[in-house]
Amino acid sequence: MNVKISSLAEQTAKCIFIAAVLASFVFFGWRVVTKRAYVEHERAQCEALAVSAALTAAEAVSKDEALAKLVRELGEAEFVTDHMSMPGNNTASVTIGAEQGGFLIRSKAASGWNSRSPQSIEFELRLQPGGEITYKNENDKKRASRIRAARANISNKDPLKEHLFTFPHERPCPAPFTALTAKVSGFSDKPVYILILNE
């Protein structure tokens, strides 16, 4: 009787072990097969956040006199948002610098800590004294146009989440600005999030 129970336990353990090995092969195979699409989506998400963050900062500094004054006084200021509140734990930051009556805006977005293929994208634009936005090259201009088009298609019914852009390292910021995230399609096989100014 003891021999039969022992034999049954051994067979059960072998079956569990074989099932675990097969499941791990299936899991790793799935990750390999889907890696390209995953990386493309991560890059698309970072690009959408970086470009929309720069555009949002440009709108904020052109509409908020307190923010514009703060940047002019400091010469340059970095603003970050809490990654814990961002979809996918992605990070987004903007650096706004005063430049000849206008502003140079550099943004950076990166994949969250839980990404299996971390990506990072930077973007730059200039807000001229007259309010016109200029870009480093034609490709950047096209990237910004895609974000503007996506913003125009956001429905009032879409859920939007608020994010505060403030100084890093919990330093007090006299002129923070807020942005909203909205989910949009057309940048990747899956929807991505973009930022818009919270007015």
N, C-alpha and C. Protein backbone atom coordinates (compact mmCIF):
# COMPACT_ATOMS: atom_id res chain seq x y z
N MET A 1 0.83 -1.20 0.00
CA MET A 1 0.00 0.00 0.00
C MET A 1 0.86 1.25 0.00
N ASN A 2 1.91 1.24 0.89
CA ASN A 2 2.83 2.38 0.95
C ASN A 2 3.58 2.58 -0.35
N VAL A 3 3.89 1.46 -1.01
CA VAL A 3 4.60 1.53 -2.29
C VAL A 3 3.73 2.21 -3.33
N LYS A 4 2.44 1.87 -3.37
CA LYS A 4 1.52 2.48 -4.34
C LYS A 4 1.38 3.98 -4.11
N ILE A 5 1.25 4.39 -2.86
CA ILE A 5 1.12 5.82 -2.53
C ILE A 5 2.39 6.56 -2.92
N SER A 6 3.54 5.97 -2.63
CA SER A 6 4.83 6.57 -2.98
C SER A 6 4.96 6.71 -4.49
N SER A 7 4.57 5.66 -5.21
CA SER A 7 4.65 5.68 -6.67
C SER A 7 3.72 6.74 -7.25
N LEU A 8 2.52 6.84 -6.70
CA LEU A 8 1.55 7.85 -7.15
C LEU A 8 2.07 9.26 -6.89
N ALA A 9 2.68 9.47 -5.73
CA ALA A 9 3.24 10.78 -5.39
C ALA A 9 4.38 11.15 -6.35
N GLU A 10 5.22 10.16 -6.68
CA GLU A 10 6.32 10.40 -7.62
C GLU A 10 5.79 10.77 -9.00
N GLN A 11 4.77 10.05 -9.46
CA GLN A 11 4.19 10.34 -10.77
C GLN A 11 3.55 11.73 -10.79
N THR A 12 2.87 12.08 -9.72
CA THR A 12 2.26 13.40 -9.62
C THR A 12 3.32 14.49 -9.65
N ALA A 13 4.40 14.28 -8.91
CA ALA A 13 5.50 15.26 -8.88
C ALA A 13 6.13 15.41 -10.26
N LYS A 14 6.30 14.26 -10.96
CA LYS A 14 6.87 14.31 -12.32
C LYS A 14 5.95 15.09 -13.26
N CYS A 15 4.65 14.84 -13.15
CA CYS A 15 3.69 15.54 -14.02
C CYS A 15 3.70 17.04 -13.75
N ILE A 16 3.76 17.40 -12.47
CA ILE A 16 3.81 18.82 -12.13
C ILE A 16 5.08 19.46 -12.66
N PHE A 17 6.20 18.76 -12.54
CA PHE A 17 7.48 19.28 -13.03
C PHE A 17 7.45 19.46 -14.55
N ILE A 18 6.94 18.45 -15.26
CA ILE A 18 6.86 18.53 -16.73
C ILE A 18 5.94 19.67 -17.15
N ALA A 19 4.80 19.81 -16.45
CA ALA A 19 3.87 20.90 -16.77
C ALA A 19 4.51 22.26 -16.55
N ALA A 20 5.30 22.38 -15.46
CA ALA A 20 5.98 23.65 -15.18
C ALA A 20 7.02 23.97 -16.24
N VAL A 21 7.76 22.95 -16.68
CA VAL A 21 8.78 23.15 -17.74
C VAL A 21 8.10 23.57 -19.04
N LEU A 22 7.02 22.88 -19.41
CA LEU A 22 6.30 23.22 -20.64
C LEU A 22 5.73 24.64 -20.57
N ALA A 23 5.17 24.99 -19.40
CA ALA A 23 4.60 26.34 -19.23
C ALA A 23 5.67 27.40 -19.36
N SER A 24 6.87 27.14 -18.82
CA SER A 24 7.96 28.12 -18.94
C SER A 24 8.40 28.29 -20.38
N PHE A 25 8.44 27.17 -21.15
CA PHE A 25 8.79 27.26 -22.57
C PHE A 25 7.75 28.08 -23.34
N VAL A 26 6.48 27.83 -23.04
CA VAL A 26 5.41 28.59 -23.71
C VAL A 26 5.52 30.07 -23.35
N PHE A 27 5.77 30.36 -22.08
CA PHE A 27 5.88 31.75 -21.63
C PHE A 27 7.05 32.47 -22.31
N PHE A 28 8.22 31.84 -22.32
CA PHE A 28 9.38 32.47 -22.95
C PHE A 28 9.20 32.58 -24.46
N GLY A 29 8.56 31.58 -25.06
CA GLY A 29 8.27 31.64 -26.49
C GLY A 29 7.35 32.81 -26.82
N TRP A 30 6.32 32.97 -25.98
CA TRP A 30 5.38 34.09 -26.18
C TRP A 30 6.11 35.42 -26.07
N ARG A 31 7.02 35.56 -25.08
CA ARG A 31 7.76 36.80 -24.91
C ARG A 31 8.65 37.11 -26.11
N VAL A 32 9.26 36.07 -26.67
CA VAL A 32 10.12 36.25 -27.85
C VAL A 32 9.29 36.68 -29.06
N VAL A 33 8.16 36.01 -29.25
CA VAL A 33 7.31 36.30 -30.40
C VAL A 33 6.72 37.71 -30.32
N THR A 34 6.37 38.15 -29.12
CA THR A 34 5.71 39.45 -28.97
C THR A 34 6.68 40.59 -28.68
N LYS A 35 7.99 40.30 -28.58
CA LYS A 35 8.94 41.34 -28.17
C LYS A 35 8.97 42.53 -29.13
N ARG A 36 8.98 42.27 -30.42
CA ARG A 36 9.07 43.36 -31.40
C ARG A 36 7.88 44.33 -31.26
N ALA A 37 6.68 43.78 -31.18
CA ALA A 37 5.48 44.63 -31.03
C ALA A 37 5.52 45.37 -29.70
N TYR A 38 6.03 44.69 -28.66
CA TYR A 38 6.12 45.31 -27.35
C TYR A 38 7.08 46.50 -27.38
N VAL A 39 8.24 46.32 -27.99
CA VAL A 39 9.24 47.40 -28.08
C VAL A 39 8.68 48.56 -28.89
N GLU A 40 8.02 48.26 -30.00
CA GLU A 40 7.43 49.32 -30.83
C GLU A 40 6.41 50.12 -30.03
N HIS A 41 5.60 49.43 -29.24
CA HIS A 41 4.60 50.14 -28.44
C HIS A 41 5.27 50.99 -27.36
N GLU A 42 6.30 50.46 -26.70
CA GLU A 42 7.02 51.22 -25.68
C GLU A 42 7.63 52.49 -26.27
N ARG A 43 8.22 52.37 -27.47
CA ARG A 43 8.82 53.54 -28.12
C ARG A 43 7.73 54.54 -28.50
N ALA A 44 6.63 54.04 -29.04
CA ALA A 44 5.52 54.93 -29.42
C ALA A 44 4.97 55.65 -28.20
N GLN A 45 4.86 54.94 -27.07
CA GLN A 45 4.35 55.56 -25.85
C GLN A 45 5.30 56.65 -25.35
N CYS A 46 6.60 56.36 -25.35
CA CYS A 46 7.58 57.36 -24.90
C CYS A 46 7.58 58.57 -25.83
N GLU A 47 7.51 58.33 -27.13
CA GLU A 47 7.49 59.45 -28.07
C GLU A 47 6.25 60.31 -27.88
N ALA A 48 5.09 59.66 -27.72
CA ALA A 48 3.84 60.40 -27.53
C ALA A 48 3.91 61.25 -26.26
N LEU A 49 4.46 60.71 -25.19
CA LEU A 49 4.57 61.48 -23.95
C LEU A 49 5.59 62.61 -24.06
N ALA A 50 6.73 62.33 -24.69
CA ALA A 50 7.78 63.35 -24.81
C ALA A 50 7.29 64.53 -25.65
N VAL A 51 6.71 64.25 -26.80
CA VAL A 51 6.26 65.32 -27.70
C VAL A 51 5.10 66.09 -27.06
N SER A 52 4.14 65.36 -26.50
CA SER A 52 2.99 66.05 -25.91
C SER A 52 3.38 66.82 -24.65
N ALA A 53 4.39 66.34 -23.91
CA ALA A 53 4.86 67.08 -22.73
C ALA A 53 5.48 68.41 -23.14
N ALA A 54 6.27 68.41 -24.21
CA ALA A 54 6.89 69.65 -24.68
C ALA A 54 5.82 70.63 -25.16
N LEU A 55 4.84 70.14 -25.91
CA LEU A 55 3.75 71.01 -26.38
C LEU A 55 2.93 71.56 -25.21
N THR A 56 2.70 70.72 -24.21
CA THR A 56 1.94 71.14 -23.03
C THR A 56 2.70 72.22 -22.27
N ALA A 57 4.01 72.03 -22.11
CA ALA A 57 4.83 73.03 -21.41
C ALA A 57 4.84 74.35 -22.17
N ALA A 58 4.89 74.27 -23.51
CA ALA A 58 4.88 75.49 -24.33
C ALA A 58 3.56 76.24 -24.13
N GLU A 59 2.46 75.52 -24.10
CA GLU A 59 1.16 76.16 -23.85
C GLU A 59 1.11 76.76 -22.45
N ALA A 60 1.64 76.01 -21.48
CA ALA A 60 1.60 76.48 -20.09
C ALA A 60 2.39 77.77 -19.91
N VAL A 61 3.60 77.81 -20.45
CA VAL A 61 4.46 78.98 -20.25
C VAL A 61 3.95 80.18 -21.06
N SER A 62 3.21 79.94 -22.13
CA SER A 62 2.68 81.05 -22.91
C SER A 62 1.39 81.61 -22.31
N LYS A 63 0.69 80.80 -21.51
CA LYS A 63 -0.59 81.24 -20.92
C LYS A 63 -0.49 81.64 -19.46
N ASP A 64 0.52 81.14 -18.76
CA ASP A 64 0.65 81.39 -17.32
C ASP A 64 1.80 82.36 -17.07
N GLU A 65 1.47 83.60 -16.79
CA GLU A 65 2.49 84.64 -16.60
C GLU A 65 3.39 84.35 -15.40
N ALA A 66 2.82 83.75 -14.35
CA ALA A 66 3.63 83.41 -13.17
C ALA A 66 4.70 82.38 -13.52
N LEU A 67 4.34 81.40 -14.34
CA LEU A 67 5.29 80.38 -14.78
C LEU A 67 6.37 81.00 -15.66
N ALA A 68 5.96 81.84 -16.61
CA ALA A 68 6.93 82.50 -17.51
C ALA A 68 7.89 83.37 -16.70
N LYS A 69 7.37 84.09 -15.73
CA LYS A 69 8.21 84.95 -14.89
C LYS A 69 9.20 84.12 -14.07
N LEU A 70 8.74 83.01 -13.53
CA LEU A 70 9.61 82.14 -12.75
C LEU A 70 10.77 81.62 -13.59
N VAL A 71 10.46 81.16 -14.80
CA VAL A 71 11.51 80.63 -15.68
C VAL A 71 12.50 81.72 -16.06
N ARG A 72 11.99 82.91 -16.34
CA ARG A 72 12.89 84.03 -16.69
C ARG A 72 13.81 84.38 -15.52
N GLU A 73 13.26 84.36 -14.32
CA GLU A 73 14.08 84.67 -13.13
C GLU A 73 15.15 83.62 -12.89
N LEU A 74 14.79 82.34 -13.08
CA LEU A 74 15.74 81.25 -12.84
C LEU A 74 16.67 81.01 -14.04
N GLY A 75 16.24 81.43 -15.21
CA GLY A 75 17.01 81.15 -16.42
C GLY A 75 16.63 79.83 -17.04
N GLU A 76 16.44 78.82 -16.19
CA GLU A 76 16.03 77.48 -16.64
C GLU A 76 15.42 76.74 -15.46
N ALA A 77 14.38 75.98 -15.71
CA ALA A 77 13.74 75.23 -14.63
C ALA A 77 13.25 73.89 -15.15
N GLU A 78 13.46 72.86 -14.34
CA GLU A 78 12.99 71.52 -14.68
C GLU A 78 11.70 71.22 -13.92
N PHE A 79 10.75 70.61 -14.62
CA PHE A 79 9.48 70.22 -14.03
C PHE A 79 9.26 68.73 -14.27
N VAL A 80 8.83 68.04 -13.24
CA VAL A 80 8.57 66.60 -13.36
C VAL A 80 7.17 66.30 -12.82
N THR A 81 6.66 65.14 -13.21
CA THR A 81 5.39 64.67 -12.66
C THR A 81 5.63 63.35 -11.97
N ASP A 82 4.78 63.02 -11.04
CA ASP A 82 4.92 61.80 -10.27
C ASP A 82 4.67 60.58 -11.15
N HIS A 83 5.70 59.74 -11.33
CA HIS A 83 5.54 58.57 -12.20
C HIS A 83 4.51 57.59 -11.65
N MET A 84 4.28 57.63 -10.34
CA MET A 84 3.31 56.71 -9.75
C MET A 84 1.88 57.00 -10.23
N SER A 85 1.64 58.23 -10.65
CA SER A 85 0.30 58.58 -11.13
C SER A 85 0.18 58.44 -12.65
N MET A 86 1.32 58.26 -13.32
CA MET A 86 1.29 58.16 -14.78
C MET A 86 0.90 56.74 -15.21
N PRO A 87 0.17 56.62 -16.32
CA PRO A 87 -0.17 55.28 -16.82
C PRO A 87 1.11 54.48 -17.10
N GLY A 88 1.14 53.25 -16.62
CA GLY A 88 2.29 52.39 -16.86
C GLY A 88 3.54 52.80 -16.10
N ASN A 89 3.41 53.68 -15.13
CA ASN A 89 4.56 54.20 -14.36
C ASN A 89 5.60 54.88 -15.25
N ASN A 90 5.17 55.37 -16.41
CA ASN A 90 6.10 56.10 -17.28
C ASN A 90 6.52 57.41 -16.61
N THR A 91 7.70 57.88 -16.98
CA THR A 91 8.16 59.16 -16.44
C THR A 91 8.13 60.22 -17.54
N ALA A 92 7.84 61.44 -17.15
CA ALA A 92 7.84 62.57 -18.09
C ALA A 92 8.39 63.79 -17.37
N SER A 93 9.29 64.50 -18.04
CA SER A 93 9.85 65.72 -17.47
C SER A 93 10.05 66.74 -18.58
N VAL A 94 10.03 68.00 -18.20
CA VAL A 94 10.31 69.09 -19.15
C VAL A 94 11.28 70.08 -18.50
N THR A 95 12.17 70.59 -19.32
CA THR A 95 13.06 71.66 -18.87
C THR A 95 12.75 72.88 -19.73
N ILE A 96 12.38 73.96 -19.07
CA ILE A 96 12.02 75.20 -19.79
C ILE A 96 13.12 76.21 -19.51
N GLY A 97 13.72 76.73 -20.57
CA GLY A 97 14.77 77.73 -20.42
C GLY A 97 14.40 79.02 -21.12
N ALA A 98 14.70 80.14 -20.47
CA ALA A 98 14.46 81.45 -21.10
C ALA A 98 15.52 81.66 -22.16
N GLU A 99 15.10 82.15 -23.33
CA GLU A 99 16.04 82.29 -24.45
C GLU A 99 15.61 83.44 -25.36
N GLN A 100 16.29 84.54 -25.32
CA GLN A 100 16.09 85.68 -26.23
C GLN A 100 14.62 86.08 -26.36
N GLY A 101 13.97 86.25 -25.24
CA GLY A 101 12.57 86.67 -25.26
C GLY A 101 11.59 85.53 -25.39
N GLY A 102 12.08 84.36 -25.76
CA GLY A 102 11.22 83.18 -25.90
C GLY A 102 11.66 82.10 -24.93
N PHE A 103 11.36 80.86 -25.27
CA PHE A 103 11.70 79.74 -24.40
C PHE A 103 12.18 78.54 -25.20
N LEU A 104 13.20 77.87 -24.70
CA LEU A 104 13.65 76.59 -25.23
C LEU A 104 13.08 75.52 -24.32
N ILE A 105 12.36 74.57 -24.89
CA ILE A 105 11.72 73.53 -24.09
C ILE A 105 12.23 72.17 -24.53
N ARG A 106 12.79 71.44 -23.57
CA ARG A 106 13.28 70.09 -23.81
C ARG A 106 12.48 69.13 -22.92
N SER A 107 12.02 68.06 -23.51
CA SER A 107 11.25 67.08 -22.74
C SER A 107 11.89 65.71 -22.85
N LYS A 108 11.58 64.89 -21.87
CA LYS A 108 12.07 63.51 -21.88
C LYS A 108 11.01 62.61 -21.28
N ALA A 109 10.79 61.47 -21.92
CA ALA A 109 9.87 60.47 -21.40
C ALA A 109 10.57 59.12 -21.43
N ALA A 110 10.30 58.31 -20.43
CA ALA A 110 10.93 56.99 -20.34
C ALA A 110 9.92 55.97 -19.86
N SER A 111 10.17 54.72 -20.23
CA SER A 111 9.31 53.63 -19.79
C SER A 111 9.33 53.51 -18.28
N GLY A 112 8.29 52.93 -17.74
CA GLY A 112 8.21 52.73 -16.30
C GLY A 112 9.14 51.63 -15.82
N TRP A 113 9.29 51.54 -14.50
CA TRP A 113 10.19 50.56 -13.89
C TRP A 113 9.80 49.12 -14.21
N ASN A 114 8.53 48.89 -14.54
CA ASN A 114 8.06 47.53 -14.79
C ASN A 114 8.13 47.14 -16.26
N SER A 115 8.78 47.93 -17.09
CA SER A 115 8.89 47.61 -18.51
C SER A 115 9.89 46.48 -18.73
N ARG A 116 9.59 45.59 -19.66
CA ARG A 116 10.56 44.53 -19.96
C ARG A 116 11.50 44.92 -21.08
N SER A 117 11.28 46.10 -21.66
CA SER A 117 12.19 46.62 -22.68
C SER A 117 12.19 48.15 -22.58
N PRO A 118 12.87 48.70 -21.55
CA PRO A 118 12.81 50.14 -21.29
C PRO A 118 13.25 50.99 -22.48
N GLN A 119 12.48 52.04 -22.75
CA GLN A 119 12.78 52.97 -23.84
C GLN A 119 12.82 54.38 -23.27
N SER A 120 13.45 55.27 -24.02
CA SER A 120 13.55 56.66 -23.60
C SER A 120 13.59 57.55 -24.84
N ILE A 121 12.83 58.63 -24.84
CA ILE A 121 12.77 59.55 -25.98
C ILE A 121 12.89 60.98 -25.48
N GLU A 122 13.65 61.79 -26.20
CA GLU A 122 13.76 63.22 -25.89
C GLU A 122 13.22 64.02 -27.06
N PHE A 123 12.73 65.22 -26.75
CA PHE A 123 12.15 66.09 -27.79
C PHE A 123 12.45 67.54 -27.42
N GLU A 124 12.56 68.39 -28.44
CA GLU A 124 12.90 69.79 -28.19
C GLU A 124 12.13 70.70 -29.13
N LEU A 125 11.72 71.84 -28.60
CA LEU A 125 11.08 72.87 -29.43
C LEU A 125 11.43 74.24 -28.87
N ARG A 126 11.20 75.24 -29.69
CA ARG A 126 11.40 76.63 -29.25
C ARG A 126 10.09 77.39 -29.37
N LEU A 127 9.76 78.09 -28.30
CA LEU A 127 8.60 78.98 -28.30
C LEU A 127 9.13 80.39 -28.53
N GLN A 128 8.87 80.93 -29.71
CA GLN A 128 9.38 82.24 -30.09
C GLN A 128 8.63 83.34 -29.33
N PRO A 129 9.23 84.54 -29.21
CA PRO A 129 8.58 85.64 -28.47
C PRO A 129 7.17 85.95 -28.97
N GLY A 130 6.92 85.77 -30.24
CA GLY A 130 5.59 86.04 -30.79
C GLY A 130 4.60 84.92 -30.59
N GLY A 131 5.02 83.80 -30.00
CA GLY A 131 4.12 82.68 -29.75
C GLY A 131 4.24 81.54 -30.74
N GLU A 132 5.03 81.73 -31.82
CA GLU A 132 5.21 80.67 -32.81
C GLU A 132 6.13 79.59 -32.24
N ILE A 133 5.84 78.33 -32.58
CA ILE A 133 6.69 77.22 -32.15
C ILE A 133 7.52 76.76 -33.34
N THR A 134 8.82 76.61 -33.10
CA THR A 134 9.72 76.10 -34.15
C THR A 134 10.40 74.83 -33.64
N TYR A 135 10.84 74.01 -34.60
CA TYR A 135 11.42 72.71 -34.28
C TYR A 135 12.80 72.57 -34.90
N LYS A 136 13.55 71.59 -34.40
CA LYS A 136 14.91 71.38 -34.91
C LYS A 136 14.90 70.94 -36.36
N ASN A 137 13.92 70.15 -36.75
CA ASN A 137 13.88 69.64 -38.13
C ASN A 137 12.44 69.32 -38.54
N GLU A 138 12.29 68.93 -39.79
CA GLU A 138 10.96 68.65 -40.34
C GLU A 138 10.32 67.44 -39.67
N ASN A 139 11.13 66.45 -39.32
CA ASN A 139 10.60 65.25 -38.67
C ASN A 139 9.96 65.60 -37.33
N ASP A 140 10.61 66.47 -36.55
CA ASP A 140 10.04 66.89 -35.27
C ASP A 140 8.73 67.65 -35.47
N LYS A 141 8.68 68.43 -36.52
CA LYS A 141 7.45 69.16 -36.84
C LYS A 141 6.30 68.18 -37.14
N LYS A 142 6.61 67.10 -37.87
CA LYS A 142 5.60 66.08 -38.19
C LYS A 142 5.15 65.35 -36.93
N ARG A 143 6.10 65.07 -36.04
CA ARG A 143 5.75 64.39 -34.79
C ARG A 143 4.79 65.26 -33.97
N ALA A 144 5.06 66.55 -33.91
CA ALA A 144 4.19 67.47 -33.17
C ALA A 144 2.81 67.56 -33.83
N SER A 145 2.78 67.55 -35.16
CA SER A 145 1.50 67.60 -35.88
C SER A 145 0.64 66.38 -35.58
N ARG A 146 1.27 65.22 -35.46
CA ARG A 146 0.52 63.99 -35.13
C ARG A 146 -0.11 64.09 -33.75
N ILE A 147 0.62 64.66 -32.81
CA ILE A 147 0.08 64.82 -31.46
C ILE A 147 -1.07 65.82 -31.47
N ARG A 148 -0.91 66.91 -32.21
CA ARG A 148 -2.00 67.90 -32.30
C ARG A 148 -3.26 67.28 -32.90
N ALA A 149 -3.07 66.46 -33.95
CA ALA A 149 -4.21 65.79 -34.58
C ALA A 149 -4.88 64.83 -33.60
N ALA A 150 -4.08 64.11 -32.82
CA ALA A 150 -4.64 63.18 -31.83
C ALA A 150 -5.41 63.94 -30.76
N ARG A 151 -4.88 65.09 -30.35
CA ARG A 151 -5.57 65.91 -29.34
C ARG A 151 -6.94 66.37 -29.86
N ALA A 152 -6.99 66.71 -31.13
CA ALA A 152 -8.24 67.20 -31.71
C ALA A 152 -9.33 66.13 -31.73
N ASN A 153 -8.91 64.85 -31.68
CA ASN A 153 -9.89 63.75 -31.74
C ASN A 153 -10.30 63.23 -30.37
N ILE A 154 -9.81 63.86 -29.30
CA ILE A 154 -10.19 63.41 -27.96
C ILE A 154 -11.63 63.82 -27.69
N SER A 155 -12.41 62.84 -27.26
CA SER A 155 -13.82 63.09 -26.98
C SER A 155 -14.00 63.60 -25.55
N ASN A 156 -15.05 64.36 -25.34
CA ASN A 156 -15.37 64.83 -23.99
C ASN A 156 -15.71 63.68 -23.06
N LYS A 157 -16.05 62.52 -23.66
CA LYS A 157 -16.41 61.36 -22.86
C LYS A 157 -15.18 60.57 -22.40
N ASP A 158 -14.02 60.84 -23.02
CA ASP A 158 -12.81 60.10 -22.66
C ASP A 158 -12.39 60.43 -21.23
N PRO A 159 -12.04 59.39 -20.44
CA PRO A 159 -11.58 59.67 -19.08
C PRO A 159 -10.20 60.33 -19.08
N LEU A 160 -10.05 61.43 -18.37
CA LEU A 160 -8.79 62.16 -18.31
C LEU A 160 -8.30 62.17 -16.86
N LYS A 161 -7.00 62.00 -16.69
CA LYS A 161 -6.42 62.00 -15.34
C LYS A 161 -5.45 63.17 -15.21
N GLU A 162 -5.49 63.84 -14.06
CA GLU A 162 -4.68 65.04 -13.85
C GLU A 162 -3.30 64.69 -13.29
N HIS A 163 -2.29 65.43 -13.76
CA HIS A 163 -0.91 65.24 -13.31
C HIS A 163 -0.28 66.62 -13.05
N LEU A 164 0.35 66.75 -11.92
CA LEU A 164 1.00 68.00 -11.54
C LEU A 164 2.47 67.99 -11.97
N PHE A 165 2.87 69.01 -12.73
CA PHE A 165 4.28 69.20 -13.09
C PHE A 165 4.87 70.23 -12.12
N THR A 166 5.85 69.82 -11.36
CA THR A 166 6.45 70.68 -10.35
C THR A 166 7.95 70.43 -10.28
N PHE A 167 8.65 71.15 -9.42
CA PHE A 167 10.09 70.96 -9.28
C PHE A 167 10.39 69.54 -8.79
N PRO A 168 11.52 68.97 -9.21
CA PRO A 168 11.89 67.64 -8.72
C PRO A 168 12.37 67.68 -7.27
N HIS A 169 12.53 66.51 -6.70
CA HIS A 169 13.07 66.32 -5.35
C HIS A 169 12.23 67.03 -4.29
N GLU A 170 10.93 67.16 -4.55
CA GLU A 170 9.98 67.74 -3.60
C GLU A 170 10.34 69.17 -3.17
N ARG A 171 11.07 69.88 -4.02
CA ARG A 171 11.35 71.29 -3.73
C ARG A 171 10.08 72.09 -3.96
N PRO A 172 9.81 73.10 -3.13
CA PRO A 172 8.60 73.91 -3.34
C PRO A 172 8.67 74.68 -4.67
N CYS A 173 7.58 74.63 -5.39
CA CYS A 173 7.53 75.29 -6.71
C CYS A 173 6.43 76.35 -6.68
N PRO A 174 6.79 77.62 -6.87
CA PRO A 174 5.79 78.68 -6.81
C PRO A 174 4.84 78.73 -8.01
N ALA A 175 5.22 78.06 -9.10
CA ALA A 175 4.36 78.11 -10.30
C ALA A 175 4.33 76.77 -11.02
N PRO A 176 3.71 75.76 -10.41
CA PRO A 176 3.57 74.47 -11.11
C PRO A 176 2.49 74.58 -12.18
N PHE A 177 2.39 73.58 -13.04
CA PHE A 177 1.28 73.53 -13.99
C PHE A 177 0.75 72.10 -14.04
N THR A 178 -0.49 71.97 -14.45
CA THR A 178 -1.10 70.65 -14.49
C THR A 178 -1.42 70.24 -15.91
N ALA A 179 -1.33 68.92 -16.13
CA ALA A 179 -1.65 68.35 -17.44
C ALA A 179 -2.62 67.19 -17.23
N LEU A 180 -3.26 66.79 -18.29
CA LEU A 180 -4.16 65.65 -18.27
C LEU A 180 -3.65 64.60 -19.23
N THR A 181 -3.83 63.32 -18.88
CA THR A 181 -3.49 62.26 -19.83
C THR A 181 -4.77 61.77 -20.49
N ALA A 182 -4.67 61.52 -21.78
CA ALA A 182 -5.78 60.97 -22.54
C ALA A 182 -5.27 59.83 -23.40
N LYS A 183 -6.08 58.80 -23.56
CA LYS A 183 -5.70 57.64 -24.38
C LYS A 183 -6.10 57.90 -25.83
N VAL A 184 -5.14 57.69 -26.75
CA VAL A 184 -5.40 57.92 -28.18
C VAL A 184 -4.87 56.74 -28.99
N SER A 185 -5.38 56.60 -30.20
CA SER A 185 -4.96 55.52 -31.09
C SER A 185 -4.19 56.08 -32.28
N GLY A 186 -3.58 55.17 -33.05
CA GLY A 186 -2.92 55.56 -34.29
C GLY A 186 -1.41 55.70 -34.20
N PHE A 187 -0.82 55.46 -33.03
CA PHE A 187 0.62 55.58 -32.87
C PHE A 187 1.30 54.22 -32.79
N SER A 188 0.52 53.19 -32.48
CA SER A 188 1.06 51.85 -32.28
C SER A 188 -0.09 50.87 -32.46
N ASP A 189 0.20 49.58 -32.31
CA ASP A 189 -0.87 48.59 -32.42
C ASP A 189 -1.85 48.71 -31.26
N LYS A 190 -1.40 49.29 -30.15
CA LYS A 190 -2.28 49.53 -28.99
C LYS A 190 -2.37 51.04 -28.77
N PRO A 191 -3.40 51.50 -28.07
CA PRO A 191 -3.50 52.94 -27.76
C PRO A 191 -2.35 53.39 -26.87
N VAL A 192 -2.02 54.67 -26.96
CA VAL A 192 -0.99 55.27 -26.11
C VAL A 192 -1.60 56.47 -25.39
N TYR A 193 -0.89 56.97 -24.39
CA TYR A 193 -1.34 58.14 -23.64
C TYR A 193 -0.58 59.37 -24.08
N ILE A 194 -1.28 60.50 -24.16
CA ILE A 194 -0.65 61.77 -24.45
C ILE A 194 -1.05 62.77 -23.36
N LEU A 195 -0.28 63.84 -23.28
CA LEU A 195 -0.56 64.90 -22.29
C LEU A 195 -1.19 66.11 -22.97
N ILE A 196 -2.13 66.73 -22.28
CA ILE A 196 -2.71 67.99 -22.73
C ILE A 196 -2.75 68.93 -21.54
N LEU A 197 -2.68 70.21 -21.80
CA LEU A 197 -2.70 71.19 -20.71
C LEU A 197 -4.07 71.20 -20.04
N ASN A 198 -4.04 71.24 -18.72
CA ASN A 198 -5.28 71.34 -17.95
C ASN A 198 -5.60 72.82 -17.75
N GLU A 199 -6.53 73.34 -18.51
CA GLU A 199 -6.82 74.79 -18.46
C GLU A 199 -7.99 75.08 -17.55
